[in-house]
Amino acid sequence: MSALSEWLFGVDNLTPHGFCLLWEPGLIWLFAISDGLIALAYFSIPLALVIIGQRRADLVFRPLLWLFAAFILLCGATHWLDVVTLWKPVYGVQGLVKAATALVSLGTSIALWWWLPSFLALPSPDQLRRANAALLESEERLAHAQKMEAIGQLTGGIAHDFNNVLQVVIGSLGVIERQLARGRAEEIGPSVAAIRKAASSASNLIDRLLAFSRRQTLLPRVIEPDRLIVDLEDLLRRTLGSGVELDLRLGRCRRSVVCDPSQLESALLNLAINARDAMPAGGVLEIATADRRLDAAPDDPDLTPGDYVEISVKDNGAGMSREVLAHVFEPFFTTKPTGRGTGLGLSQIYGFVKQSGGFVRIDSAPGKGTSVRLYLPGRDQREVQPAEAIAEQKQGCPAAPCGKMLLVEDQLEVRMQIADTLEEMGCEVIEADDGDAGLKVLESEQSLCLLVTDVGLPGVSGRHLAEAARAAHPDLPILLITGYAGKSLDSLDLASNIEVLRKPFTLEELTERVRILLARAAAVE
């Protein structure tokens, strides 16, 4: 140990710096340790700068970063050589390192002053915060402008279509008046048919708008997607025509779904029509079903993890560009020629699926066809409505005996029409013009065979009337009539003795629905 100390601190071995450091061991160690630590820090800093430069390729002044790394590395080397020269006079090597350090230092200094104006032009954190705030404000203004543009497009589309409907109605009424004045009552048939067709078009337009806004009154049932598609196959083939081949790929779906079957059928028909129009020279339309288990996706906030049934409709037609895809779900947006499409088909499908708890995905590219996938929440237990009950609803049932009925409707003209229809069926009708009057009849304990009520009533709503009737008479058949129910029926349990009839409806539809309810009640008894 003494030999090592003598070698380190002996006078002969300290000739290079011995006279400067006065051969004092404490001073020697102070210089050695300090220069060693400085060199270690100088070597570690360039390493950090290199890592930053490699991982942040977006940095503005990366060349200057490399210059600083080289400069600091050479400075560390000079301090390391200062430790070495305490014992070894390697001043030549130290001189070369210092010369390299001088050149790199000079280059770094020139580059720093050269880029100084650019450095000063960089925004401060406060400027960035203000810029971000201004950007958010401009984005909100843009979103508002886009929303107003969509509302304008929606308003224009509604005005166009409804004015056409009103023109048919007003023009046909004028023709009817002239024919009646001339004593030609037998010739008003075509005008009446035109009014009926226009009213049906207006009803379909309202249904599509409500579906898009997710405010449609749905009549959900537990159904098997495969069975529904098979039942729809003949209609699909007639819709597609002979030039388009229908390829059904079913059998991979074991789950059932809860949705409005008529709306699902309408969605599939709309997609089939779009596919047919996209394949004017013919092609293949593939409809497939499958069970899917979907997990959460950070880039897809609309996706709720869970079990789904996927219904895909795929064609090999013309396809759509990215610009068109960005607008396909907007109401009244269409790529079809004027008069061949309303632009409400896909928006209606989107609203129906979202309102049913699912979501829609669409993929397309020019010349590569289009694939639309509907995802509806799946249920493992099959609670499909019996085929006999479905046939009964679609085909009607034998007339059941009528008794005393309560009709609650605040619109006089509508109430008169319904009352006349029920009386023609042989029923005794008790009329009420608001919910309070209807509730008094229910509380009077009169023997009723049916409650027919509008949902949107002044005072006590039709929903509350139905709940009061079920509480007092659990088996009483109830027919809810609505033009727009909003969310008032969302949580209502639609038991077998409760039906919903959407306005506008024909008197034949009203009669059939009443007969079905009365027949069910008679079967239970």
Protein backbone atom coordinates (compact mmCIF):
# COMPACT_ATOMS: atom_id res chain seq x y z
CA MET A 1 0.00 0.00 0.00
CA SER A 2 2.85 2.33 0.82
CA ALA A 3 4.45 1.63 -2.56
CA LEU A 4 1.23 2.61 -4.35
CA SER A 5 0.97 5.78 -2.28
CA GLU A 6 4.58 6.58 -3.05
CA TRP A 7 3.94 6.07 -6.76
CA LEU A 8 0.85 8.29 -6.67
CA PHE A 9 2.17 11.08 -4.54
CA GLY A 10 5.90 10.80 -4.83
CA VAL A 11 7.82 13.80 -6.06
CA ASP A 12 9.38 11.98 -9.00
CA ASN A 13 6.01 10.88 -10.42
CA LEU A 14 4.41 14.30 -10.08
CA THR A 15 6.82 16.17 -12.24
CA PRO A 16 4.16 17.37 -14.74
CA HIS A 17 2.05 19.20 -12.16
CA GLY A 18 4.04 18.71 -9.03
CA PHE A 19 5.38 22.24 -8.86
CA CYS A 20 1.93 23.71 -9.49
CA LEU A 21 0.24 21.56 -6.83
CA LEU A 22 3.14 21.88 -4.35
CA TRP A 23 3.22 18.10 -4.02
CA GLU A 24 0.30 18.22 -1.55
CA PRO A 25 -1.71 14.92 -1.60
CA GLY A 26 -5.01 16.59 -0.58
CA LEU A 27 -4.80 19.10 -3.41
CA ILE A 28 -3.87 16.34 -5.85
CA TRP A 29 -6.92 14.24 -4.86
CA LEU A 30 -9.17 17.31 -5.06
CA PHE A 31 -8.15 17.93 -8.68
CA ALA A 32 -8.27 14.24 -9.64
CA ILE A 33 -11.71 13.56 -8.15
CA SER A 34 -13.20 16.83 -9.41
CA ASP A 35 -11.96 16.37 -12.97
CA GLY A 36 -13.05 12.74 -12.92
CA LEU A 37 -16.62 13.62 -11.84
CA ILE A 38 -16.83 16.45 -14.38
CA ALA A 39 -15.66 14.09 -17.13
CA LEU A 40 -18.25 11.49 -16.04
CA ALA A 41 -21.06 14.07 -16.19
CA TYR A 42 -19.83 15.38 -19.54
CA PHE A 43 -19.86 11.84 -20.94
CA SER A 44 -23.41 11.12 -19.70
CA ILE A 45 -24.96 14.37 -21.03
CA PRO A 46 -24.17 13.64 -24.72
CA LEU A 47 -25.62 10.15 -24.28
CA ALA A 48 -28.93 11.69 -23.10
CA LEU A 49 -28.86 14.17 -26.01
CA VAL A 50 -28.31 11.35 -28.51
CA ILE A 51 -31.27 9.39 -27.11
CA ILE A 52 -33.47 12.51 -27.30
CA GLY A 53 -32.39 13.19 -30.88
CA GLN A 54 -33.10 9.62 -31.99
CA ARG A 55 -36.50 9.31 -30.35
CA ARG A 56 -37.75 12.80 -31.17
CA ALA A 57 -37.37 13.09 -34.91
CA ASP A 58 -39.81 16.00 -34.85
CA LEU A 59 -37.40 18.34 -33.04
CA VAL A 60 -36.77 21.55 -34.99
CA PHE A 61 -33.04 22.05 -34.29
CA ARG A 62 -31.66 18.51 -34.30
CA PRO A 63 -28.30 19.44 -36.00
CA LEU A 64 -27.57 21.85 -33.16
CA LEU A 65 -28.34 19.03 -30.73
CA TRP A 66 -25.60 16.90 -32.30
CA LEU A 67 -23.15 19.83 -32.12
CA PHE A 68 -23.85 20.30 -28.40
CA ALA A 69 -23.40 16.57 -27.82
CA ALA A 70 -19.98 16.57 -29.57
CA PHE A 71 -18.92 19.75 -27.77
CA ILE A 72 -19.82 18.41 -24.31
CA LEU A 73 -18.19 15.04 -25.06
CA LEU A 74 -14.89 16.71 -26.01
CA CYS A 75 -15.04 18.90 -22.89
CA GLY A 76 -15.38 15.73 -20.83
CA ALA A 77 -12.36 14.26 -22.62
CA THR A 78 -10.22 17.29 -21.70
CA HIS A 79 -11.13 16.90 -18.03
CA TRP A 80 -10.28 13.20 -18.17
CA LEU A 81 -6.90 14.03 -19.70
CA ASP A 82 -6.30 16.55 -16.88
CA VAL A 83 -6.50 13.62 -14.45
CA VAL A 84 -4.14 11.51 -16.59
CA THR A 85 -1.55 14.28 -16.85
CA LEU A 86 -1.21 14.35 -13.07
CA TRP A 87 0.98 11.28 -13.53
CA LYS A 88 1.72 11.04 -17.25
CA PRO A 89 2.84 13.98 -19.38
CA VAL A 90 0.60 13.21 -22.39
CA TYR A 91 0.37 16.86 -23.36
CA GLY A 92 0.43 16.04 -27.08
CA VAL A 93 -2.76 14.05 -26.87
CA GLN A 94 -4.28 16.69 -24.61
CA GLY A 95 -3.38 19.37 -27.10
CA LEU A 96 -5.07 17.53 -29.96
CA VAL A 97 -8.24 17.05 -27.87
CA LYS A 98 -8.24 20.72 -26.92
CA ALA A 99 -7.83 21.71 -30.59
CA ALA A 100 -10.79 19.51 -31.56
CA THR A 101 -12.76 20.99 -28.65
CA ALA A 102 -11.93 24.48 -29.85
CA LEU A 103 -13.11 23.77 -33.40
CA VAL A 104 -16.37 22.15 -32.25
CA SER A 105 -16.91 24.91 -29.69
CA LEU A 106 -16.41 27.56 -32.37
CA GLY A 107 -18.82 25.78 -34.73
CA THR A 108 -21.40 25.41 -31.95
CA SER A 109 -21.08 29.06 -31.03
CA ILE A 110 -21.53 30.20 -34.66
CA ALA A 111 -24.51 27.88 -35.14
CA LEU A 112 -26.07 29.07 -31.90
CA TRP A 113 -25.84 32.74 -32.90
CA TRP A 114 -26.97 31.88 -36.43
CA TRP A 115 -30.13 30.20 -35.15
CA LEU A 116 -30.71 32.64 -32.29
CA PRO A 117 -33.46 34.58 -34.16
CA SER A 118 -35.25 31.28 -34.87
CA PHE A 119 -34.92 30.32 -31.20
CA LEU A 120 -36.41 33.64 -30.12
CA ALA A 121 -39.24 33.18 -32.64
CA LEU A 122 -40.35 29.94 -30.97
CA PRO A 123 -43.66 30.43 -29.09
CA SER A 124 -43.58 30.58 -25.34
CA PRO A 125 -45.78 28.25 -23.21
CA ASP A 126 -48.18 31.14 -22.67
CA GLN A 127 -48.35 31.78 -26.43
CA LEU A 128 -48.98 28.08 -27.02
CA ARG A 129 -51.82 28.10 -24.48
CA ARG A 130 -53.40 31.11 -26.17
CA ALA A 131 -52.96 29.50 -29.60
CA ASN A 132 -54.55 26.27 -28.37
CA ALA A 133 -57.46 28.23 -26.91
CA ALA A 134 -57.93 30.07 -30.21
CA LEU A 135 -57.73 26.75 -32.09
CA LEU A 136 -60.40 25.20 -29.86
CA GLU A 137 -62.59 28.25 -30.38
CA SER A 138 -62.18 28.05 -34.14
CA GLU A 139 -62.95 24.31 -34.05
CA GLU A 140 -66.14 25.02 -32.11
CA ARG A 141 -67.11 27.68 -34.64
CA LEU A 142 -66.39 25.23 -37.47
CA ALA A 143 -68.44 22.50 -35.77
CA HIS A 144 -71.27 24.99 -35.26
CA ALA A 145 -71.06 26.05 -38.90
CA GLN A 146 -71.11 22.42 -40.03
CA LYS A 147 -74.08 21.75 -37.76
CA MET A 148 -75.93 24.75 -39.17
CA GLU A 149 -75.10 23.56 -42.69
CA ALA A 150 -76.48 20.12 -41.83
CA ILE A 151 -79.60 21.71 -40.35
CA GLY A 152 -79.97 23.83 -43.48
CA GLN A 153 -79.60 20.76 -45.67
CA LEU A 154 -82.10 18.90 -43.49
CA THR A 155 -84.57 21.81 -43.56
CA GLY A 156 -84.22 22.17 -47.32
CA GLY A 157 -84.78 18.47 -47.86
CA ILE A 158 -87.84 18.42 -45.62
CA ALA A 159 -89.26 21.52 -47.30
CA HIS A 160 -88.70 20.02 -50.76
CA ASP A 161 -90.28 16.66 -49.99
CA PHE A 162 -93.17 18.01 -47.94
CA ASN A 163 -93.99 20.68 -50.49
CA ASN A 164 -94.23 17.93 -53.07
CA VAL A 165 -96.57 15.98 -50.78
CA LEU A 166 -98.70 19.06 -50.08
CA GLN A 167 -98.85 19.87 -53.77
CA VAL A 168 -100.28 16.43 -54.49
CA VAL A 169 -102.82 16.79 -51.66
CA ILE A 170 -103.88 20.35 -52.52
CA GLY A 171 -104.03 19.65 -56.25
CA SER A 172 -106.02 16.45 -55.73
CA LEU A 173 -108.47 18.22 -53.42
CA GLY A 174 -108.99 20.84 -56.12
CA VAL A 175 -109.72 18.12 -58.66
CA ILE A 176 -112.17 16.44 -56.25
CA GLU A 177 -114.00 19.72 -55.65
CA ARG A 178 -114.36 20.34 -59.38
CA GLN A 179 -115.57 16.81 -60.05
CA LEU A 180 -118.14 17.02 -57.25
CA ALA A 181 -119.35 20.41 -58.55
CA ARG A 182 -119.85 18.84 -61.98
CA GLY A 183 -121.70 15.90 -60.51
CA ARG A 184 -118.94 13.42 -61.34
CA ALA A 185 -118.41 11.86 -57.90
CA GLU A 186 -117.55 8.53 -59.51
CA GLU A 187 -114.42 10.09 -61.07
CA ILE A 188 -112.71 11.20 -57.84
CA GLY A 189 -111.11 7.79 -57.28
CA PRO A 190 -107.69 8.63 -58.85
CA SER A 191 -107.44 11.85 -56.82
CA VAL A 192 -108.27 10.02 -53.58
CA ALA A 193 -105.62 7.42 -54.44
CA ALA A 194 -103.08 10.20 -55.08
CA ILE A 195 -103.86 11.76 -51.68
CA ARG A 196 -103.49 8.39 -49.98
CA LYS A 197 -100.12 7.80 -51.70
CA ALA A 198 -98.89 11.29 -50.77
CA ALA A 199 -99.93 10.77 -47.15
CA SER A 200 -98.05 7.46 -47.10
CA SER A 201 -94.94 9.20 -48.50
CA ALA A 202 -95.17 11.87 -45.80
CA SER A 203 -95.53 9.19 -43.14
CA ASN A 204 -92.44 7.36 -44.43
CA LEU A 205 -90.49 10.62 -44.47
CA ILE A 206 -91.37 11.33 -40.84
CA ASP A 207 -90.46 7.76 -39.84
CA ARG A 208 -87.05 8.14 -41.46
CA LEU A 209 -86.39 11.50 -39.82
CA LEU A 210 -87.37 10.15 -36.41
CA ALA A 211 -85.18 7.09 -36.99
CA PHE A 212 -82.21 9.32 -37.88
CA SER A 213 -82.73 11.43 -34.74
CA ARG A 214 -83.17 8.25 -32.65
CA ARG A 215 -86.62 9.40 -31.50
CA GLN A 216 -88.63 6.80 -33.37
CA THR A 217 -91.20 4.75 -31.47
CA LEU A 218 -89.85 1.23 -31.83
CA LEU A 219 -91.73 -2.01 -31.19
CA PRO A 220 -88.89 -4.30 -30.07
CA ARG A 221 -89.24 -8.06 -30.16
CA VAL A 222 -86.81 -10.91 -29.50
CA ILE A 223 -86.01 -12.33 -32.93
CA GLU A 224 -83.61 -14.68 -34.69
CA PRO A 225 -81.69 -12.75 -37.38
CA ASP A 226 -81.24 -15.85 -39.56
CA ARG A 227 -84.95 -16.63 -39.53
CA LEU A 228 -85.87 -13.04 -40.33
CA ILE A 229 -83.50 -12.98 -43.32
CA VAL A 230 -84.79 -16.31 -44.61
CA ASP A 231 -88.37 -15.02 -44.39
CA LEU A 232 -87.25 -11.91 -46.29
CA GLU A 233 -85.37 -13.85 -49.01
CA ASP A 234 -88.15 -13.88 -51.63
CA LEU A 235 -88.76 -10.15 -51.29
CA LEU A 236 -85.02 -9.47 -51.50
CA ARG A 237 -84.68 -11.50 -54.69
CA ARG A 238 -87.62 -9.68 -56.30
CA THR A 239 -86.11 -6.34 -55.24
CA LEU A 240 -82.66 -7.17 -56.63
CA GLY A 241 -83.90 -8.50 -59.95
CA SER A 242 -82.37 -11.16 -62.14
CA GLY A 243 -79.09 -9.32 -62.70
CA VAL A 244 -77.94 -9.50 -59.08
CA GLU A 245 -77.18 -12.80 -57.36
CA LEU A 246 -78.18 -13.07 -53.69
CA ASP A 247 -75.67 -15.05 -51.59
CA LEU A 248 -76.94 -15.81 -48.06
CA ARG A 249 -74.27 -16.97 -45.63
CA LEU A 250 -76.23 -17.88 -42.54
CA GLY A 251 -75.85 -20.45 -39.77
CA ARG A 252 -72.97 -18.84 -37.85
CA CYS A 253 -75.32 -16.84 -35.61
CA ARG A 254 -76.46 -18.54 -32.41
CA ARG A 255 -77.67 -15.45 -30.59
CA SER A 256 -80.97 -13.61 -30.84
CA VAL A 257 -81.42 -9.82 -30.85
CA VAL A 258 -84.00 -7.43 -29.42
CA CYS A 259 -85.15 -4.90 -31.99
CA ASP A 260 -88.11 -3.80 -34.08
CA PRO A 261 -88.34 -6.52 -36.75
CA SER A 262 -90.09 -4.28 -39.26
CA GLN A 263 -87.32 -1.70 -38.95
CA LEU A 264 -84.64 -4.37 -39.39
CA GLU A 265 -86.43 -5.64 -42.49
CA SER A 266 -86.63 -2.08 -43.81
CA ALA A 267 -82.91 -1.58 -43.14
CA LEU A 268 -81.97 -4.74 -45.07
CA LEU A 269 -84.22 -3.78 -47.98
CA ASN A 270 -82.70 -0.29 -48.10
CA LEU A 271 -79.20 -1.75 -48.17
CA ALA A 272 -80.23 -4.23 -50.89
CA ILE A 273 -81.65 -1.40 -53.03
CA ASN A 274 -78.46 0.64 -52.59
CA ALA A 275 -76.37 -2.37 -53.55
CA ARG A 276 -78.54 -3.05 -56.64
CA ASP A 277 -78.15 0.57 -57.77
CA ALA A 278 -74.37 0.31 -57.28
CA MET A 279 -74.25 -2.74 -59.60
CA PRO A 280 -76.06 -1.63 -62.78
CA ALA A 281 -74.28 -4.32 -64.79
CA GLY A 282 -75.08 -7.02 -62.24
CA GLY A 283 -73.09 -8.57 -59.44
CA VAL A 284 -73.32 -10.43 -56.16
CA LEU A 285 -74.97 -9.25 -52.94
CA GLU A 286 -73.77 -11.18 -49.91
CA ILE A 287 -75.74 -11.13 -46.63
CA ALA A 288 -74.07 -12.88 -43.70
CA THR A 289 -74.66 -13.18 -39.96
CA ALA A 290 -72.27 -14.09 -37.19
CA ASP A 291 -71.82 -13.86 -33.44
CA ARG A 292 -69.16 -11.41 -32.35
CA ARG A 293 -67.49 -10.72 -29.01
CA LEU A 294 -66.15 -7.16 -29.11
CA ASP A 295 -63.73 -5.59 -26.64
CA ALA A 296 -63.24 -1.92 -25.88
CA ALA A 297 -61.29 0.06 -28.48
CA PRO A 298 -59.62 3.38 -27.49
CA ASP A 299 -60.06 4.73 -31.04
CA ASP A 300 -63.76 3.82 -31.15
CA PRO A 301 -65.75 5.56 -28.37
CA ASP A 302 -69.07 4.33 -29.84
CA LEU A 303 -68.16 0.72 -29.13
CA THR A 304 -69.55 -0.77 -25.91
CA PRO A 305 -67.80 -4.07 -25.10
CA GLY A 306 -70.06 -7.10 -25.17
CA ASP A 307 -71.73 -9.77 -27.27
CA TYR A 308 -73.14 -8.69 -30.63
CA VAL A 309 -74.78 -10.13 -33.69
CA GLU A 310 -73.14 -8.91 -36.88
CA ILE A 311 -75.33 -8.61 -39.98
CA SER A 312 -73.17 -7.73 -42.98
CA VAL A 313 -74.42 -6.68 -46.40
CA LYS A 314 -71.64 -6.68 -49.02
CA ASP A 315 -71.70 -5.95 -52.73
CA ASN A 316 -69.06 -5.83 -55.47
CA GLY A 317 -70.37 -2.68 -57.08
CA ALA A 318 -68.94 0.75 -57.84
CA GLY A 319 -67.97 1.60 -54.26
CA MET A 320 -67.58 5.04 -52.73
CA SER A 321 -64.73 7.48 -52.21
CA ARG A 322 -63.52 8.65 -48.80
CA GLU A 323 -65.22 12.02 -49.37
CA VAL A 324 -68.58 10.33 -49.97
CA LEU A 325 -68.11 7.97 -47.01
CA ALA A 326 -67.71 10.97 -44.70
CA HIS A 327 -71.30 12.05 -45.47
CA VAL A 328 -73.22 8.81 -46.06
CA PHE A 329 -75.12 8.95 -42.75
CA GLU A 330 -76.21 12.57 -43.18
CA PRO A 331 -79.92 13.07 -43.90
CA PHE A 332 -80.82 13.95 -47.52
CA PHE A 333 -77.26 13.23 -48.69
CA THR A 334 -77.40 11.07 -51.80
CA THR A 335 -75.21 10.32 -54.80
CA LYS A 336 -78.17 9.15 -56.86
CA PRO A 337 -79.69 11.30 -59.61
CA THR A 338 -82.45 13.70 -58.66
CA GLY A 339 -85.72 11.89 -58.11
CA ARG A 340 -84.12 8.47 -57.56
CA GLY A 341 -83.25 8.77 -53.88
CA THR A 342 -84.26 10.75 -50.80
CA GLY A 343 -80.90 10.50 -49.06
CA LEU A 344 -82.58 9.17 -45.92
CA GLY A 345 -81.95 5.42 -46.27
CA LEU A 346 -78.57 5.14 -44.52
CA SER A 347 -79.42 7.86 -42.00
CA GLN A 348 -82.54 5.90 -41.05
CA ILE A 349 -80.50 2.70 -40.66
CA TYR A 350 -77.92 4.53 -38.54
CA GLY A 351 -80.59 5.96 -36.23
CA PHE A 352 -82.49 2.67 -35.89
CA VAL A 353 -79.36 0.67 -35.03
CA LYS A 354 -78.11 3.28 -32.54
CA GLN A 355 -81.54 3.47 -30.90
CA SER A 356 -81.48 -0.35 -30.60
CA GLY A 357 -78.19 -0.19 -28.70
CA GLY A 358 -75.88 -1.09 -31.57
CA PHE A 359 -73.68 0.63 -34.14
CA VAL A 360 -72.94 0.61 -37.86
CA ARG A 361 -69.65 0.22 -39.72
CA ILE A 362 -69.20 0.80 -43.44
CA ASP A 363 -66.18 0.11 -45.66
CA SER A 364 -65.93 1.05 -49.30
CA ALA A 365 -63.52 2.10 -52.01
CA PRO A 366 -64.01 3.07 -55.66
CA GLY A 367 -64.25 -0.07 -57.79
CA LYS A 368 -64.05 -2.41 -54.75
CA GLY A 369 -67.66 -2.51 -53.62
CA THR A 370 -69.23 -1.62 -50.28
CA SER A 371 -69.61 -3.54 -47.04
CA VAL A 372 -72.12 -2.39 -44.41
CA ARG A 373 -72.05 -4.17 -41.04
CA LEU A 374 -74.86 -3.79 -38.52
CA TYR A 375 -73.97 -4.71 -34.94
CA LEU A 376 -76.91 -5.35 -32.59
CA PRO A 377 -76.59 -6.50 -28.95
CA GLY A 378 -76.91 -10.28 -28.84
CA ARG A 379 -78.73 -12.49 -26.37
CA ASP A 380 -77.78 -16.10 -25.70
CA GLN A 381 -81.27 -17.17 -24.67
CA ARG A 382 -83.66 -17.54 -27.59
CA GLU A 383 -86.99 -16.01 -26.70
CA VAL A 384 -88.37 -15.83 -30.18
CA GLN A 385 -92.03 -15.01 -30.55
CA PRO A 386 -93.96 -18.08 -31.73
CA ALA A 387 -94.60 -18.25 -35.45
CA GLU A 388 -98.33 -18.63 -34.80
CA ALA A 389 -98.43 -15.29 -32.95
CA ILE A 390 -96.53 -13.56 -35.75
CA ALA A 391 -98.89 -14.97 -38.35
CA GLU A 392 -101.84 -13.85 -36.23
CA GLN A 393 -100.49 -10.29 -36.09
CA LYS A 394 -99.79 -10.13 -39.82
CA GLN A 395 -102.92 -11.79 -41.10
CA GLY A 396 -105.42 -10.63 -38.49
CA CYS A 397 -107.77 -12.80 -36.48
CA PRO A 398 -111.49 -13.49 -36.23
CA ALA A 399 -113.67 -10.76 -34.79
CA ALA A 400 -114.00 -10.91 -31.01
CA PRO A 401 -117.04 -9.65 -29.12
CA CYS A 402 -116.87 -5.93 -28.35
CA GLY A 403 -117.93 -4.32 -25.11
CA LYS A 404 -117.40 -0.96 -23.51
CA MET A 405 -114.18 0.82 -24.57
CA LEU A 406 -112.43 3.92 -23.30
CA LEU A 407 -111.02 6.21 -26.00
CA VAL A 408 -108.71 9.04 -24.86
CA GLU A 409 -107.61 11.45 -27.61
CA ASP A 410 -107.24 15.23 -27.40
CA GLN A 411 -107.48 15.86 -31.16
CA LEU A 412 -111.20 16.10 -31.95
CA GLU A 413 -111.02 15.01 -35.59
CA VAL A 414 -108.84 12.01 -34.79
CA ARG A 415 -111.06 11.05 -31.86
CA MET A 416 -114.17 11.15 -34.07
CA GLN A 417 -112.54 8.93 -36.70
CA ILE A 418 -111.45 6.34 -34.14
CA ALA A 419 -114.79 6.40 -32.31
CA ASP A 420 -116.74 5.89 -35.55
CA THR A 421 -114.52 2.94 -36.48
CA LEU A 422 -114.91 1.30 -33.07
CA GLU A 423 -118.67 1.80 -33.14
CA GLU A 424 -118.84 0.17 -36.57
CA MET A 425 -117.17 -2.83 -34.94
CA GLY A 426 -120.10 -2.98 -32.51
CA CYS A 427 -118.30 -1.43 -29.54
CA GLU A 428 -119.70 1.05 -27.04
CA VAL A 429 -117.21 3.94 -26.88
CA ILE A 430 -116.63 6.23 -23.89
CA GLU A 431 -114.75 9.29 -25.12
CA ALA A 432 -112.33 11.46 -23.12
CA ASP A 433 -110.50 14.50 -24.50
CA ASP A 434 -107.56 14.52 -22.07
CA GLY A 435 -105.70 12.33 -19.61
CA ASP A 436 -107.44 13.64 -16.51
CA ALA A 437 -110.89 12.79 -17.91
CA GLY A 438 -109.65 9.35 -18.93
CA LEU A 439 -108.23 8.70 -15.46
CA LYS A 440 -111.60 9.54 -13.90
CA VAL A 441 -113.28 6.91 -16.10
CA LEU A 442 -110.68 4.33 -15.06
CA GLU A 443 -111.18 5.18 -11.40
CA SER A 444 -114.97 4.89 -11.77
CA GLU A 445 -114.54 1.11 -11.94
CA GLN A 446 -116.59 0.76 -15.09
CA SER A 447 -116.29 -2.58 -16.81
CA LEU A 448 -114.04 -2.00 -19.84
CA CYS A 449 -112.90 -4.41 -22.52
CA LEU A 450 -110.25 -2.12 -24.08
CA LEU A 451 -108.35 1.12 -23.48
CA VAL A 452 -107.36 3.12 -26.55
CA THR A 453 -105.27 6.18 -25.67
CA ASP A 454 -102.96 8.64 -27.31
CA VAL A 455 -99.52 8.86 -25.67
CA GLY A 456 -99.07 12.63 -25.87
CA LEU A 457 -101.98 14.02 -23.86
CA PRO A 458 -102.40 17.24 -21.88
CA GLY A 459 -102.34 16.59 -18.15
CA VAL A 460 -101.99 12.90 -17.41
CA SER A 461 -100.06 11.25 -20.26
CA GLY A 462 -101.11 8.11 -22.09
CA ARG A 463 -98.16 6.28 -20.51
CA HIS A 464 -99.48 7.08 -17.03
CA LEU A 465 -103.02 6.10 -18.06
CA ALA A 466 -101.71 2.73 -19.25
CA GLU A 467 -99.84 2.17 -15.99
CA ALA A 468 -102.92 3.11 -13.95
CA ALA A 469 -105.07 0.76 -16.03
CA ARG A 470 -102.59 -2.12 -15.59
CA ALA A 471 -102.48 -1.53 -11.85
CA ALA A 472 -106.28 -1.67 -11.56
CA HIS A 473 -106.99 -4.23 -14.30
CA PRO A 474 -103.83 -6.23 -15.17
CA ASP A 475 -105.56 -8.13 -18.01
CA LEU A 476 -107.15 -5.10 -19.69
CA PRO A 477 -106.02 -4.82 -23.35
CA ILE A 478 -104.37 -1.46 -24.07
CA LEU A 479 -103.74 0.15 -27.46
CA LEU A 480 -101.29 3.07 -27.31
CA ILE A 481 -101.48 5.48 -30.26
CA THR A 482 -98.62 7.87 -30.88
CA GLY A 483 -97.37 10.28 -33.47
CA TYR A 484 -94.22 11.05 -31.49
CA ALA A 485 -93.61 9.52 -28.08
CA GLY A 486 -90.01 10.66 -27.57
CA LYS A 487 -88.56 8.50 -24.79
CA SER A 488 -91.79 8.15 -22.83
CA LEU A 489 -92.23 4.49 -23.90
CA ASP A 490 -88.59 3.40 -23.64
CA SER A 491 -88.94 1.69 -20.25
CA LEU A 492 -92.53 0.50 -20.70
CA ASP A 493 -92.92 -3.26 -20.54
CA LEU A 494 -94.83 -4.15 -23.71
CA ALA A 495 -96.73 -7.17 -22.43
CA SER A 496 -98.90 -9.33 -24.68
CA ASN A 497 -101.97 -7.24 -23.86
CA ILE A 498 -100.32 -3.95 -24.89
CA GLU A 499 -99.81 -2.79 -28.48
CA VAL A 500 -98.44 0.42 -29.96
CA LEU A 501 -99.92 1.91 -33.14
CA ARG A 502 -97.94 4.66 -34.84
CA LYS A 503 -99.65 7.62 -36.48
CA PRO A 504 -100.62 8.06 -39.23
CA PHE A 505 -102.49 4.78 -39.56
CA THR A 506 -105.32 3.59 -41.73
CA LEU A 507 -108.67 2.71 -40.21
CA GLU A 508 -108.12 -0.85 -41.44
CA GLU A 509 -104.90 -1.05 -39.42
CA LEU A 510 -106.75 0.25 -36.36
CA THR A 511 -109.51 -2.32 -36.78
CA GLU A 512 -107.03 -5.18 -37.18
CA ARG A 513 -105.02 -4.18 -34.11
CA VAL A 514 -108.17 -3.89 -31.96
CA ARG A 515 -109.35 -7.33 -33.12
CA ILE A 516 -105.97 -8.87 -32.25
CA LEU A 517 -106.05 -7.42 -28.71
CA LEU A 518 -109.66 -8.52 -28.13
CA ALA A 519 -108.93 -12.00 -29.48
CA ARG A 520 -105.94 -12.39 -27.15
CA ALA A 521 -108.03 -11.26 -24.18
CA ALA A 522 -110.78 -13.71 -25.12
CA ALA A 523 -108.25 -16.55 -25.44
CA VAL A 524 -106.88 -15.84 -21.96
CA GLU A 525 -110.36 -15.93 -20.48
